[in-house]
Structures are given as structure tokens and as C-alpha cells.
Amino acid sequence: MRLFAIVMTTLLAVACSSANHAVPAQAAEHPEARPFDPAPSLVAQDAVTEALADAALAEKHAIIVMGADWCHDSRALAGWFLTPRFETMLRDNYVVRYIDVGQKNRNIDVARRFGLDNIVGTPTIIVTNSQGEVLNLDTAPTWRNAASRTEDSIFEYFSALAPQQPPN
């Protein structure tokens, strides 16, 4: 009887430990990129000014992505932007610039330029029209879960904010 109890205990332990080694659920796959250059504030401001000027000249909107290469959400969003689906939509509608915010302590003057007091999460995304007016101040700081969002939801967000094309 004692041998039977030992064998049963061993089998139960093996069965339980095998069940604990199931493959954990993973977040949705997403591409990644590392476009954030830790440039000084003056350079970052110049990059934003140039983006706004390019957007005005091309009659496009601007996307200013404030993030960091250490941030998986920033890398995920930048990765989506480099896929063919996003590249076409972005190229036709937007001028995009990436601004490194370090540990949310660098280039904060860029955020303030658009009406944000600070960076609460990365990435923080500002979308402006061709006149430089912010279109998404209420949702700009909500992108710190970009890696968890679906490709379609990200695409729909930026498509909805794209300049309206005149009817043919």
C-alpha cells in the first residue's frame, strides 16, 4: 500500500508539473522599429518645425511620435508604420517625425508646444492638420498600450484623422 501511495504521488506530481509548463499566452505579434534618436531639445524642435512646414507645403497632416527605443509600445507603433499597408496611407496623408523623450524627461518642450504639460506614457502621439492645429489632444497620451492594439485599430485611428480628400 505504501508503494502504491508513493507511485501515485509521483505520477500526480509529474502530471501537475507538466500542466504548469503549458505555453503561456503571448500578446499579438507586431513588427518593431527603433527610430528614436536621442537628439538635444533644439534639434528636436527643429525637426518638429520642419515636419509642420513640410505638412503645410504638401497639404498633409503631421504625426509627431514622442517615444523611445527602450519602449516596446513605441517600437511596436513605429514597426507598424513601416509596413506596406501603413507606409502607403501615411505617405499619402502625413508627414511623420519621431522625437525621443528619454525616460519621459527629454524634449518635454515638444509636448508643451502642443499643449501637453508632460509625457505620461510612451509613445505620446500628436496629430496636427496642415496648419499645425492639434487634432487629437484628448487621445495623444493614450498610446502607451500600442503594442497591445491590433493592426486594424491603429490603422483605423490614423485613417480617421487623415485629411479628407475632396470628392471626385
N, C-alpha and C. Protein backbone atom coordinates (compact mmCIF):
# COMPACT_ATOMS: atom_id res chain seq x y z
N MET A 1 0.82 -1.18 0.00
CA MET A 1 0.00 0.00 0.00
C MET A 1 0.87 1.25 0.00
N ARG A 2 1.91 1.23 0.78
CA ARG A 2 2.82 2.38 0.84
C ARG A 2 3.48 2.61 -0.51
N LEU A 3 3.88 1.57 -1.20
CA LEU A 3 4.47 1.69 -2.53
C LEU A 3 3.45 2.28 -3.51
N PHE A 4 2.21 1.85 -3.41
CA PHE A 4 1.15 2.38 -4.26
C PHE A 4 0.98 3.89 -4.03
N ALA A 5 1.01 4.35 -2.81
CA ALA A 5 0.87 5.77 -2.47
C ALA A 5 2.04 6.57 -3.03
N ILE A 6 3.24 6.01 -2.94
CA ILE A 6 4.43 6.71 -3.46
C ILE A 6 4.33 6.84 -4.98
N VAL A 7 3.94 5.75 -5.66
CA VAL A 7 3.81 5.78 -7.11
C VAL A 7 2.72 6.79 -7.53
N MET A 8 1.60 6.77 -6.86
CA MET A 8 0.51 7.69 -7.19
C MET A 8 0.92 9.14 -6.94
N THR A 9 1.61 9.40 -5.86
CA THR A 9 2.08 10.75 -5.55
C THR A 9 3.05 11.23 -6.62
N THR A 10 3.95 10.34 -7.04
CA THR A 10 4.93 10.70 -8.08
C THR A 10 4.22 10.99 -9.39
N LEU A 11 3.28 10.14 -9.78
CA LEU A 11 2.54 10.36 -11.03
C LEU A 11 1.74 11.66 -10.97
N LEU A 12 1.13 11.93 -9.84
CA LEU A 12 0.37 13.16 -9.68
C LEU A 12 1.29 14.39 -9.76
N ALA A 13 2.46 14.31 -9.17
CA ALA A 13 3.42 15.42 -9.21
C ALA A 13 3.88 15.67 -10.63
N VAL A 14 4.16 14.60 -11.38
CA VAL A 14 4.60 14.75 -12.76
C VAL A 14 3.47 15.35 -13.60
N ALA A 15 2.26 14.89 -13.42
CA ALA A 15 1.12 15.41 -14.17
C ALA A 15 0.88 16.89 -13.88
N CYS A 16 0.97 17.26 -12.63
CA CYS A 16 0.75 18.67 -12.26
C CYS A 16 1.86 19.56 -12.79
N SER A 17 3.10 19.09 -12.71
CA SER A 17 4.19 19.93 -13.18
C SER A 17 4.15 20.07 -14.70
N SER A 18 3.69 19.05 -15.42
CA SER A 18 3.56 19.14 -16.87
C SER A 18 2.48 20.15 -17.24
N ALA A 19 1.41 20.18 -16.49
CA ALA A 19 0.32 21.13 -16.77
C ALA A 19 0.79 22.57 -16.56
N ASN A 20 1.71 22.77 -15.62
CA ASN A 20 2.20 24.12 -15.35
C ASN A 20 3.15 24.62 -16.42
N HIS A 21 3.63 23.75 -17.27
CA HIS A 21 4.58 24.16 -18.30
C HIS A 21 3.91 24.37 -19.65
N ALA A 22 2.64 24.65 -19.63
CA ALA A 22 1.94 24.96 -20.87
C ALA A 22 2.51 26.24 -21.46
N VAL A 23 2.43 26.37 -22.76
CA VAL A 23 2.94 27.55 -23.43
C VAL A 23 2.11 28.75 -22.99
N PRO A 24 2.73 29.79 -22.43
CA PRO A 24 1.97 30.96 -21.98
C PRO A 24 1.38 31.71 -23.18
N ALA A 25 0.26 32.35 -22.94
CA ALA A 25 -0.36 33.16 -23.99
C ALA A 25 0.54 34.35 -24.27
N GLN A 26 0.65 34.70 -25.53
CA GLN A 26 1.50 35.82 -25.92
C GLN A 26 0.66 36.94 -26.50
N ALA A 27 1.16 38.14 -26.37
CA ALA A 27 0.50 39.29 -26.98
C ALA A 27 0.54 39.13 -28.50
N ALA A 28 -0.33 39.81 -29.16
CA ALA A 28 -0.37 39.75 -30.61
C ALA A 28 1.00 40.12 -31.18
N GLU A 29 1.36 39.45 -32.23
CA GLU A 29 2.63 39.76 -32.88
C GLU A 29 2.57 41.14 -33.53
N HIS A 30 3.65 41.83 -33.45
CA HIS A 30 3.74 43.14 -34.09
C HIS A 30 5.18 43.36 -34.53
N PRO A 31 5.35 44.11 -35.60
CA PRO A 31 6.70 44.45 -36.01
C PRO A 31 7.29 45.48 -35.06
N GLU A 32 8.59 45.64 -35.08
CA GLU A 32 9.23 46.65 -34.23
C GLU A 32 10.26 47.43 -35.03
N ALA A 33 10.44 48.68 -34.66
CA ALA A 33 11.47 49.53 -35.24
C ALA A 33 12.02 50.41 -34.12
N ARG A 34 13.19 50.94 -34.33
CA ARG A 34 13.85 51.80 -33.35
C ARG A 34 14.27 53.12 -34.01
N PRO A 35 13.30 54.01 -34.25
CA PRO A 35 13.61 55.24 -34.98
C PRO A 35 13.94 56.46 -34.12
N PHE A 36 13.97 56.27 -32.80
CA PHE A 36 14.09 57.44 -31.92
C PHE A 36 15.54 57.80 -31.68
N ASP A 37 15.93 58.98 -32.15
CA ASP A 37 17.29 59.48 -31.99
C ASP A 37 17.31 60.41 -30.78
N PRO A 38 18.17 60.14 -29.80
CA PRO A 38 18.20 61.00 -28.61
C PRO A 38 18.85 62.36 -28.88
N ALA A 39 18.27 63.11 -29.80
CA ALA A 39 18.80 64.43 -30.16
C ALA A 39 18.48 65.43 -29.06
N PRO A 40 19.31 66.46 -28.95
CA PRO A 40 19.03 67.52 -27.97
C PRO A 40 17.76 68.27 -28.33
N SER A 41 17.23 68.98 -27.36
CA SER A 41 15.95 69.67 -27.48
C SER A 41 15.88 70.59 -28.69
N LEU A 42 16.92 71.37 -28.93
CA LEU A 42 16.90 72.31 -30.05
C LEU A 42 16.74 71.55 -31.37
N VAL A 43 17.43 70.44 -31.52
CA VAL A 43 17.33 69.63 -32.74
C VAL A 43 15.93 69.05 -32.86
N ALA A 44 15.36 68.58 -31.76
CA ALA A 44 14.01 68.03 -31.78
C ALA A 44 13.00 69.10 -32.18
N GLN A 45 13.13 70.29 -31.63
CA GLN A 45 12.22 71.39 -32.00
C GLN A 45 12.36 71.72 -33.49
N ASP A 46 13.59 71.72 -33.99
CA ASP A 46 13.81 71.98 -35.42
C ASP A 46 13.14 70.90 -36.27
N ALA A 47 13.22 69.64 -35.84
CA ALA A 47 12.61 68.53 -36.57
C ALA A 47 11.09 68.69 -36.61
N VAL A 48 10.51 69.13 -35.51
CA VAL A 48 9.06 69.35 -35.47
C VAL A 48 8.68 70.53 -36.36
N THR A 49 9.43 71.62 -36.29
CA THR A 49 9.15 72.78 -37.13
C THR A 49 9.23 72.40 -38.60
N GLU A 50 10.23 71.61 -38.96
CA GLU A 50 10.38 71.15 -40.34
C GLU A 50 9.21 70.25 -40.75
N ALA A 51 8.79 69.37 -39.87
CA ALA A 51 7.66 68.48 -40.17
C ALA A 51 6.39 69.29 -40.41
N LEU A 52 6.15 70.30 -39.58
CA LEU A 52 4.96 71.13 -39.75
C LEU A 52 5.02 71.94 -41.05
N ALA A 53 6.21 72.42 -41.38
CA ALA A 53 6.37 73.17 -42.64
C ALA A 53 6.17 72.24 -43.84
N ASP A 54 6.74 71.03 -43.77
CA ASP A 54 6.56 70.06 -44.86
C ASP A 54 5.09 69.68 -45.01
N ALA A 55 4.40 69.51 -43.89
CA ALA A 55 2.97 69.16 -43.93
C ALA A 55 2.16 70.29 -44.56
N ALA A 56 2.46 71.52 -44.20
CA ALA A 56 1.73 72.66 -44.76
C ALA A 56 1.96 72.76 -46.27
N LEU A 57 3.21 72.60 -46.67
CA LEU A 57 3.55 72.69 -48.08
C LEU A 57 2.87 71.59 -48.90
N ALA A 58 2.80 70.40 -48.35
CA ALA A 58 2.21 69.25 -49.06
C ALA A 58 0.71 69.12 -48.82
N GLU A 59 0.14 70.02 -48.01
CA GLU A 59 -1.27 69.94 -47.62
C GLU A 59 -1.60 68.59 -46.99
N LYS A 60 -0.73 68.18 -46.09
CA LYS A 60 -0.91 66.93 -45.35
C LYS A 60 -1.00 67.27 -43.87
N HIS A 61 -1.29 66.28 -43.08
CA HIS A 61 -1.24 66.40 -41.63
C HIS A 61 0.13 65.95 -41.16
N ALA A 62 0.45 66.24 -39.91
CA ALA A 62 1.71 65.80 -39.32
C ALA A 62 1.43 64.87 -38.16
N ILE A 63 2.29 63.87 -38.02
CA ILE A 63 2.26 62.99 -36.85
C ILE A 63 3.60 63.15 -36.16
N ILE A 64 3.55 63.58 -34.90
CA ILE A 64 4.75 63.70 -34.08
C ILE A 64 4.67 62.58 -33.04
N VAL A 65 5.55 61.61 -33.16
CA VAL A 65 5.56 60.46 -32.25
C VAL A 65 6.65 60.70 -31.21
N MET A 66 6.24 60.91 -29.97
CA MET A 66 7.19 61.14 -28.88
C MET A 66 7.30 59.83 -28.10
N GLY A 67 8.47 59.20 -28.25
CA GLY A 67 8.67 57.89 -27.63
C GLY A 67 10.14 57.64 -27.39
N ALA A 68 10.50 56.37 -27.32
CA ALA A 68 11.89 56.00 -27.06
C ALA A 68 12.13 54.58 -27.55
N ASP A 69 13.38 54.30 -27.93
CA ASP A 69 13.73 52.97 -28.40
C ASP A 69 13.65 51.92 -27.30
N TRP A 70 13.73 52.30 -26.03
CA TRP A 70 13.63 51.33 -24.95
C TRP A 70 12.19 50.86 -24.73
N CYS A 71 11.22 51.58 -25.29
CA CYS A 71 9.80 51.34 -25.03
C CYS A 71 9.21 50.40 -26.08
N HIS A 72 8.71 49.25 -25.64
CA HIS A 72 8.16 48.29 -26.60
C HIS A 72 6.92 48.84 -27.32
N ASP A 73 6.15 49.69 -26.68
CA ASP A 73 4.99 50.28 -27.34
C ASP A 73 5.41 51.27 -28.43
N SER A 74 6.45 52.05 -28.16
CA SER A 74 6.99 52.96 -29.18
C SER A 74 7.54 52.18 -30.36
N ARG A 75 8.30 51.12 -30.07
CA ARG A 75 8.87 50.29 -31.14
C ARG A 75 7.78 49.61 -31.95
N ALA A 76 6.72 49.15 -31.28
CA ALA A 76 5.62 48.48 -31.99
C ALA A 76 4.92 49.43 -32.94
N LEU A 77 4.58 50.62 -32.47
CA LEU A 77 3.90 51.58 -33.34
C LEU A 77 4.79 51.94 -34.53
N ALA A 78 6.06 52.22 -34.27
CA ALA A 78 6.98 52.54 -35.35
C ALA A 78 7.11 51.37 -36.33
N GLY A 79 7.07 50.17 -35.80
CA GLY A 79 7.14 48.99 -36.66
C GLY A 79 5.93 48.89 -37.58
N TRP A 80 4.74 49.14 -37.03
CA TRP A 80 3.55 49.13 -37.88
C TRP A 80 3.66 50.19 -38.97
N PHE A 81 4.17 51.36 -38.60
CA PHE A 81 4.28 52.45 -39.57
C PHE A 81 5.17 52.08 -40.75
N LEU A 82 6.08 51.12 -40.58
CA LEU A 82 6.99 50.72 -41.65
C LEU A 82 6.44 49.60 -42.54
N THR A 83 5.29 49.06 -42.20
CA THR A 83 4.71 48.01 -43.03
C THR A 83 4.09 48.63 -44.28
N PRO A 84 3.99 47.88 -45.37
CA PRO A 84 3.44 48.45 -46.62
C PRO A 84 2.06 49.07 -46.45
N ARG A 85 1.20 48.44 -45.68
CA ARG A 85 -0.16 48.97 -45.50
C ARG A 85 -0.12 50.37 -44.91
N PHE A 86 0.67 50.55 -43.86
CA PHE A 86 0.76 51.86 -43.21
C PHE A 86 1.57 52.84 -44.04
N GLU A 87 2.66 52.38 -44.65
CA GLU A 87 3.51 53.28 -45.42
C GLU A 87 2.72 54.03 -46.48
N THR A 88 1.85 53.32 -47.19
CA THR A 88 1.06 53.96 -48.24
C THR A 88 0.12 55.00 -47.66
N MET A 89 -0.64 54.62 -46.64
CA MET A 89 -1.59 55.56 -46.04
C MET A 89 -0.87 56.77 -45.44
N LEU A 90 0.24 56.51 -44.74
CA LEU A 90 0.98 57.61 -44.11
C LEU A 90 1.61 58.52 -45.15
N ARG A 91 2.24 57.94 -46.15
CA ARG A 91 2.89 58.74 -47.19
C ARG A 91 1.88 59.65 -47.89
N ASP A 92 0.68 59.15 -48.14
CA ASP A 92 -0.33 59.93 -48.86
C ASP A 92 -0.96 61.02 -48.01
N ASN A 93 -0.90 60.90 -46.68
CA ASN A 93 -1.67 61.79 -45.81
C ASN A 93 -0.87 62.54 -44.74
N TYR A 94 0.32 62.08 -44.43
CA TYR A 94 1.02 62.61 -43.26
C TYR A 94 2.51 62.86 -43.52
N VAL A 95 3.05 63.72 -42.70
CA VAL A 95 4.50 63.85 -42.51
C VAL A 95 4.74 63.34 -41.09
N VAL A 96 5.62 62.36 -40.94
CA VAL A 96 5.84 61.72 -39.65
C VAL A 96 7.24 62.06 -39.12
N ARG A 97 7.32 62.42 -37.83
CA ARG A 97 8.60 62.64 -37.17
C ARG A 97 8.59 61.91 -35.83
N TYR A 98 9.73 61.35 -35.49
CA TYR A 98 9.93 60.64 -34.23
C TYR A 98 10.80 61.49 -33.33
N ILE A 99 10.35 61.74 -32.11
CA ILE A 99 11.08 62.55 -31.14
C ILE A 99 11.35 61.69 -29.90
N ASP A 100 12.61 61.54 -29.55
CA ASP A 100 13.00 60.76 -28.38
C ASP A 100 12.73 61.56 -27.11
N VAL A 101 12.02 60.93 -26.17
CA VAL A 101 11.72 61.60 -24.90
C VAL A 101 12.48 60.96 -23.73
N GLY A 102 13.48 60.15 -24.04
CA GLY A 102 14.27 59.52 -22.97
C GLY A 102 13.38 58.73 -22.04
N GLN A 103 13.55 58.95 -20.76
CA GLN A 103 12.72 58.30 -19.73
C GLN A 103 11.56 59.23 -19.36
N LYS A 104 10.96 59.84 -20.37
CA LYS A 104 9.89 60.84 -20.23
C LYS A 104 10.43 62.10 -19.57
N ASN A 105 11.72 62.38 -19.83
CA ASN A 105 12.37 63.56 -19.24
C ASN A 105 13.18 64.34 -20.28
N ARG A 106 13.05 64.01 -21.53
CA ARG A 106 13.80 64.68 -22.59
C ARG A 106 12.80 65.24 -23.61
N ASN A 107 13.09 66.40 -24.13
CA ASN A 107 12.28 67.03 -25.18
C ASN A 107 10.82 67.25 -24.76
N ILE A 108 10.63 67.48 -23.49
CA ILE A 108 9.28 67.75 -22.98
C ILE A 108 8.76 69.07 -23.55
N ASP A 109 9.66 69.95 -23.96
CA ASP A 109 9.23 71.20 -24.58
C ASP A 109 8.46 70.95 -25.88
N VAL A 110 8.70 69.82 -26.54
CA VAL A 110 7.93 69.48 -27.74
C VAL A 110 6.48 69.20 -27.33
N ALA A 111 6.29 68.43 -26.27
CA ALA A 111 4.93 68.15 -25.78
C ALA A 111 4.24 69.45 -25.38
N ARG A 112 4.96 70.30 -24.68
CA ARG A 112 4.37 71.58 -24.22
C ARG A 112 3.99 72.47 -25.40
N ARG A 113 4.77 72.40 -26.46
CA ARG A 113 4.47 73.17 -27.66
C ARG A 113 3.07 72.87 -28.18
N PHE A 114 2.60 71.65 -27.94
CA PHE A 114 1.30 71.24 -28.44
C PHE A 114 0.22 71.19 -27.35
N GLY A 115 0.53 71.69 -26.15
CA GLY A 115 -0.48 71.79 -25.12
C GLY A 115 -0.48 70.69 -24.08
N LEU A 116 0.55 69.85 -24.07
CA LEU A 116 0.66 68.82 -23.04
C LEU A 116 1.69 69.27 -22.01
N ASP A 117 1.36 69.13 -20.75
CA ASP A 117 2.28 69.55 -19.69
C ASP A 117 3.48 68.62 -19.53
N ASN A 118 3.26 67.34 -19.80
CA ASN A 118 4.35 66.37 -19.65
C ASN A 118 4.03 65.13 -20.48
N ILE A 119 4.93 64.18 -20.44
CA ILE A 119 4.76 62.90 -21.11
C ILE A 119 4.39 61.89 -20.02
N VAL A 120 3.17 61.37 -20.07
CA VAL A 120 2.74 60.42 -19.04
C VAL A 120 2.99 58.98 -19.48
N GLY A 121 3.15 58.75 -20.76
CA GLY A 121 3.42 57.41 -21.28
C GLY A 121 4.01 57.51 -22.66
N THR A 122 4.67 56.44 -23.06
CA THR A 122 5.27 56.43 -24.40
C THR A 122 4.68 55.28 -25.19
N PRO A 123 4.41 55.54 -26.45
CA PRO A 123 4.56 56.82 -27.12
C PRO A 123 3.39 57.76 -26.82
N THR A 124 3.65 59.04 -26.94
CA THR A 124 2.62 60.06 -26.95
C THR A 124 2.60 60.58 -28.39
N ILE A 125 1.43 60.66 -28.97
CA ILE A 125 1.33 60.97 -30.40
C ILE A 125 0.48 62.21 -30.62
N ILE A 126 1.07 63.17 -31.29
CA ILE A 126 0.37 64.40 -31.67
C ILE A 126 0.08 64.33 -33.16
N VAL A 127 -1.16 64.59 -33.53
CA VAL A 127 -1.55 64.69 -34.93
C VAL A 127 -2.03 66.12 -35.14
N THR A 128 -1.46 66.78 -36.16
CA THR A 128 -1.88 68.14 -36.48
C THR A 128 -2.42 68.18 -37.90
N ASN A 129 -3.22 69.20 -38.17
CA ASN A 129 -3.63 69.42 -39.55
C ASN A 129 -2.52 70.20 -40.25
N SER A 130 -2.74 70.56 -41.50
CA SER A 130 -1.69 71.23 -42.27
C SER A 130 -1.37 72.62 -41.74
N GLN A 131 -2.26 73.19 -40.92
CA GLN A 131 -1.99 74.50 -40.30
C GLN A 131 -1.31 74.35 -38.93
N GLY A 132 -1.01 73.14 -38.53
CA GLY A 132 -0.33 72.91 -37.26
C GLY A 132 -1.24 72.84 -36.05
N GLU A 133 -2.56 72.80 -36.26
CA GLU A 133 -3.51 72.71 -35.15
C GLU A 133 -3.64 71.26 -34.72
N VAL A 134 -3.55 71.02 -33.42
CA VAL A 134 -3.62 69.66 -32.88
C VAL A 134 -5.03 69.11 -33.04
N LEU A 135 -5.12 67.89 -33.56
CA LEU A 135 -6.40 67.25 -33.81
C LEU A 135 -6.77 66.20 -32.76
N ASN A 136 -5.81 65.79 -31.94
CA ASN A 136 -6.05 64.65 -31.04
C ASN A 136 -5.52 64.87 -29.63
N LEU A 137 -5.63 66.07 -29.13
CA LEU A 137 -5.07 66.35 -27.80
C LEU A 137 -5.64 65.41 -26.73
N ASP A 138 -6.90 65.03 -26.85
CA ASP A 138 -7.52 64.16 -25.85
C ASP A 138 -6.98 62.73 -25.90
N THR A 139 -6.55 62.25 -27.05
CA THR A 139 -6.05 60.88 -27.16
C THR A 139 -4.54 60.78 -27.32
N ALA A 140 -3.86 61.91 -27.43
CA ALA A 140 -2.40 61.90 -27.63
C ALA A 140 -1.65 61.08 -26.59
N PRO A 141 -1.99 61.19 -25.30
CA PRO A 141 -1.22 60.44 -24.30
C PRO A 141 -1.71 59.01 -24.05
N THR A 142 -2.63 58.51 -24.86
CA THR A 142 -3.24 57.20 -24.58
C THR A 142 -2.58 56.04 -25.32
N TRP A 143 -1.46 56.26 -25.94
CA TRP A 143 -0.84 55.25 -26.79
C TRP A 143 0.15 54.34 -26.08
N ARG A 144 0.26 54.43 -24.77
CA ARG A 144 1.24 53.61 -24.06
C ARG A 144 0.90 52.12 -24.07
N ASN A 145 -0.19 51.76 -24.75
CA ASN A 145 -0.53 50.35 -24.94
C ASN A 145 -0.50 49.99 -26.43
N ALA A 146 0.28 50.70 -27.22
CA ALA A 146 0.30 50.49 -28.67
C ALA A 146 0.66 49.06 -29.04
N ALA A 147 1.53 48.41 -28.29
CA ALA A 147 1.92 47.04 -28.62
C ALA A 147 0.77 46.06 -28.44
N SER A 148 -0.21 46.42 -27.65
CA SER A 148 -1.36 45.55 -27.41
C SER A 148 -2.51 45.82 -28.37
N ARG A 149 -2.45 46.90 -29.09
CA ARG A 149 -3.53 47.24 -30.02
C ARG A 149 -3.39 46.42 -31.30
N THR A 150 -4.50 46.22 -31.95
CA THR A 150 -4.47 45.47 -33.21
C THR A 150 -4.01 46.38 -34.35
N GLU A 151 -3.49 45.76 -35.36
CA GLU A 151 -3.09 46.49 -36.56
C GLU A 151 -4.26 47.28 -37.11
N ASP A 152 -5.43 46.65 -37.19
CA ASP A 152 -6.61 47.32 -37.74
C ASP A 152 -7.02 48.54 -36.91
N SER A 153 -6.99 48.42 -35.58
CA SER A 153 -7.42 49.55 -34.76
C SER A 153 -6.45 50.73 -34.90
N ILE A 154 -5.17 50.44 -35.01
CA ILE A 154 -4.18 51.52 -35.20
C ILE A 154 -4.40 52.16 -36.57
N PHE A 155 -4.57 51.34 -37.58
CA PHE A 155 -4.78 51.85 -38.93
C PHE A 155 -6.04 52.71 -39.00
N GLU A 156 -7.11 52.24 -38.40
CA GLU A 156 -8.37 53.00 -38.41
C GLU A 156 -8.23 54.35 -37.71
N TYR A 157 -7.48 54.39 -36.61
CA TYR A 157 -7.28 55.64 -35.87
C TYR A 157 -6.64 56.69 -36.79
N PHE A 158 -5.54 56.32 -37.43
CA PHE A 158 -4.83 57.30 -38.26
C PHE A 158 -5.56 57.58 -39.57
N SER A 159 -6.27 56.61 -40.09
CA SER A 159 -7.07 56.85 -41.29
C SER A 159 -8.19 57.85 -40.99
N ALA A 160 -8.80 57.72 -39.83
CA ALA A 160 -9.90 58.63 -39.46
C ALA A 160 -9.41 60.07 -39.28
N LEU A 161 -8.17 60.24 -38.88
CA LEU A 161 -7.62 61.59 -38.68
C LEU A 161 -6.97 62.15 -39.94
N ALA A 162 -6.84 61.34 -40.98
CA ALA A 162 -6.19 61.79 -42.22
C ALA A 162 -6.99 62.91 -42.85
N PRO A 163 -6.31 63.74 -43.63
CA PRO A 163 -7.03 64.83 -44.32
C PRO A 163 -8.15 64.25 -45.19
N GLN A 164 -9.26 64.93 -45.19
CA GLN A 164 -10.38 64.50 -46.02
C GLN A 164 -10.07 64.82 -47.48
N GLN A 165 -10.18 63.82 -48.32
CA GLN A 165 -9.94 64.01 -49.74
C GLN A 165 -11.19 64.60 -50.38
N PRO A 166 -11.03 65.58 -51.24
CA PRO A 166 -12.21 66.16 -51.92
C PRO A 166 -12.87 65.10 -52.81
N PRO A 167 -14.21 65.13 -52.92
CA PRO A 167 -14.89 64.15 -53.80
C PRO A 167 -14.52 64.40 -55.25
N ASN A 168 -14.50 63.33 -56.03
CA ASN A 168 -14.16 63.44 -57.47
C ASN A 168 -15.32 63.94 -58.28
